[in-house]
Amino acid sequence: MREDCRCGEMAVMFLAGLTIGTMTGLLLAPHSGAYTRRQLENLAEDVKEQASTLASEAKEAVENVVERGKRIVS
């Protein structure tokens, strides 16, 4: 179980770094404001989808641990 927690933490840190790096790159890019805003909106949509996926995976992992715990207790 300890390894699952570390993988989740690493995934969150990776996504945070990816998001920060992408946003910094977009803000420093020599594009128009409208184009940059569209890019940021697209990035926000992608991050929202990734967060939803990560939350679903975390929920499944917790359910699996609970089921395993119930079997051990029985």
C-alpha atoms as a PDB file:
ATOM      1  CA  MET A   1       0.000   0.000   0.000  1.00  0.00           C
ATOM      2  CA  ARG A   2       2.868   2.361   0.704  1.00  0.00           C
ATOM      3  CA  GLU A   3       4.031   2.154  -2.906  1.00  0.00           C
ATOM      4  CA  ASP A   4       0.532   3.092  -4.151  1.00  0.00           C
ATOM      5  CA  CYS A   5       0.640   6.278  -2.080  1.00  0.00           C
ATOM      6  CA  ARG A   6       4.047   7.244  -3.442  1.00  0.00           C
ATOM      7  CA  CYS A   7       2.912   6.638  -7.033  1.00  0.00           C
ATOM      8  CA  GLY A   8      -0.098   8.886  -6.507  1.00  0.00           C
ATOM      9  CA  GLU A   9       2.062  11.598  -4.990  1.00  0.00           C
ATOM     10  CA  MET A  10       4.528  11.323  -7.853  1.00  0.00           C
ATOM     11  CA  ALA A  11       1.712  11.526 -10.413  1.00  0.00           C
ATOM     12  CA  VAL A  12       0.313  14.662  -8.802  1.00  0.00           C
ATOM     13  CA  MET A  13       3.757  16.279  -8.638  1.00  0.00           C
ATOM     14  CA  PHE A  14       4.409  15.381 -12.288  1.00  0.00           C
ATOM     15  CA  LEU A  15       1.075  16.872 -13.393  1.00  0.00           C
ATOM     16  CA  ALA A  16       1.698  20.001 -11.319  1.00  0.00           C
ATOM     17  CA  GLY A  17       5.155  20.444 -12.847  1.00  0.00           C
ATOM     18  CA  LEU A  18       3.799  19.837 -16.329  1.00  0.00           C
ATOM     19  CA  THR A  19       1.037  22.375 -15.789  1.00  0.00           C
ATOM     20  CA  ILE A  20       3.333  25.038 -14.340  1.00  0.00           C
ATOM     21  CA  GLY A  21       5.906  24.525 -17.098  1.00  0.00           C
ATOM     22  CA  THR A  22       3.281  24.697 -19.816  1.00  0.00           C
ATOM     23  CA  MET A  23       1.663  27.807 -18.392  1.00  0.00           C
ATOM     24  CA  THR A  24       5.031  29.528 -18.040  1.00  0.00           C
ATOM     25  CA  GLY A  25       5.912  28.657 -21.609  1.00  0.00           C
ATOM     26  CA  LEU A  26       2.587  29.956 -22.879  1.00  0.00           C
ATOM     27  CA  LEU A  27       2.831  33.191 -20.951  1.00  0.00           C
ATOM     28  CA  LEU A  28       6.351  33.867 -22.209  1.00  0.00           C
ATOM     29  CA  ALA A  29       5.589  32.861 -25.805  1.00  0.00           C
ATOM     30  CA  PRO A  30       5.451  35.624 -28.409  1.00  0.00           C
ATOM     31  CA  HIS A  31       1.775  35.092 -29.317  1.00  0.00           C
ATOM     32  CA  SER A  32      -1.242  37.353 -29.169  1.00  0.00           C
ATOM     33  CA  GLY A  33      -3.297  37.570 -26.010  1.00  0.00           C
ATOM     34  CA  ALA A  34      -6.315  35.867 -27.628  1.00  0.00           C
ATOM     35  CA  TYR A  35      -4.200  32.929 -28.780  1.00  0.00           C
ATOM     36  CA  THR A  36      -2.569  32.576 -25.364  1.00  0.00           C
ATOM     37  CA  ARG A  37      -5.973  32.667 -23.627  1.00  0.00           C
ATOM     38  CA  ARG A  38      -7.251  29.912 -25.931  1.00  0.00           C
ATOM     39  CA  GLN A  39      -4.173  27.857 -25.131  1.00  0.00           C
ATOM     40  CA  LEU A  40      -4.686  28.373 -21.390  1.00  0.00           C
ATOM     41  CA  GLU A  41      -8.347  27.355 -21.718  1.00  0.00           C
ATOM     42  CA  ASN A  42      -7.301  24.187 -23.545  1.00  0.00           C
ATOM     43  CA  LEU A  43      -4.690  23.488 -20.879  1.00  0.00           C
ATOM     44  CA  ALA A  44      -7.254  23.973 -18.114  1.00  0.00           C
ATOM     45  CA  GLU A  45      -9.588  21.530 -19.872  1.00  0.00           C
ATOM     46  CA  ASP A  46      -6.787  18.949 -20.147  1.00  0.00           C
ATOM     47  CA  VAL A  47      -5.817  19.349 -16.498  1.00  0.00           C
ATOM     48  CA  LYS A  48      -9.461  18.996 -15.468  1.00  0.00           C
ATOM     49  CA  GLU A  49      -9.745  15.740 -17.434  1.00  0.00           C
ATOM     50  CA  GLN A  50      -6.477  14.421 -15.978  1.00  0.00           C
ATOM     51  CA  ALA A  51      -7.564  15.329 -12.443  1.00  0.00           C
ATOM     52  CA  SER A  52     -10.868  13.550 -12.994  1.00  0.00           C
ATOM     53  CA  THR A  53      -9.055  10.451 -14.238  1.00  0.00           C
ATOM     54  CA  LEU A  54      -6.646  10.554 -11.308  1.00  0.00           C
ATOM     55  CA  ALA A  55      -9.538  10.928  -8.855  1.00  0.00           C
ATOM     56  CA  SER A  56     -11.310   7.934 -10.399  1.00  0.00           C
ATOM     57  CA  GLU A  57      -8.156   5.844 -10.153  1.00  0.00           C
ATOM     58  CA  ALA A  58      -7.646   6.897  -6.534  1.00  0.00           C
ATOM     59  CA  LYS A  59     -11.256   5.989  -5.735  1.00  0.00           C
ATOM     60  CA  GLU A  60     -10.753   2.536  -7.280  1.00  0.00           C
ATOM     61  CA  ALA A  61      -7.539   2.039  -5.308  1.00  0.00           C
ATOM     62  CA  VAL A  62      -9.273   2.949  -2.040  1.00  0.00           C
ATOM     63  CA  GLU A  63     -12.175   0.617  -2.832  1.00  0.00           C
ATOM     64  CA  ASN A  64      -9.707  -2.206  -3.528  1.00  0.00           C
ATOM     65  CA  VAL A  65      -7.920  -1.608  -0.229  1.00  0.00           C
ATOM     66  CA  VAL A  66     -11.233  -1.561   1.645  1.00  0.00           C
ATOM     67  CA  GLU A  67     -12.296  -4.828  -0.015  1.00  0.00           C
ATOM     68  CA  ARG A  68      -8.949  -6.413   0.821  1.00  0.00           C
ATOM     69  CA  GLY A  69      -9.319  -5.238   4.415  1.00  0.00           C
ATOM     70  CA  LYS A  70     -12.811  -6.706   4.645  1.00  0.00           C
ATOM     71  CA  ARG A  71     -11.527 -10.067   3.370  1.00  0.00           C
ATOM     72  CA  ILE A  72      -8.688 -10.044   5.897  1.00  0.00           C
ATOM     73  CA  VAL A  73     -11.049  -9.233   8.778  1.00  0.00           C
ATOM     74  CA  SER A  74     -13.560 -11.955   7.739  1.00  0.00           C
END
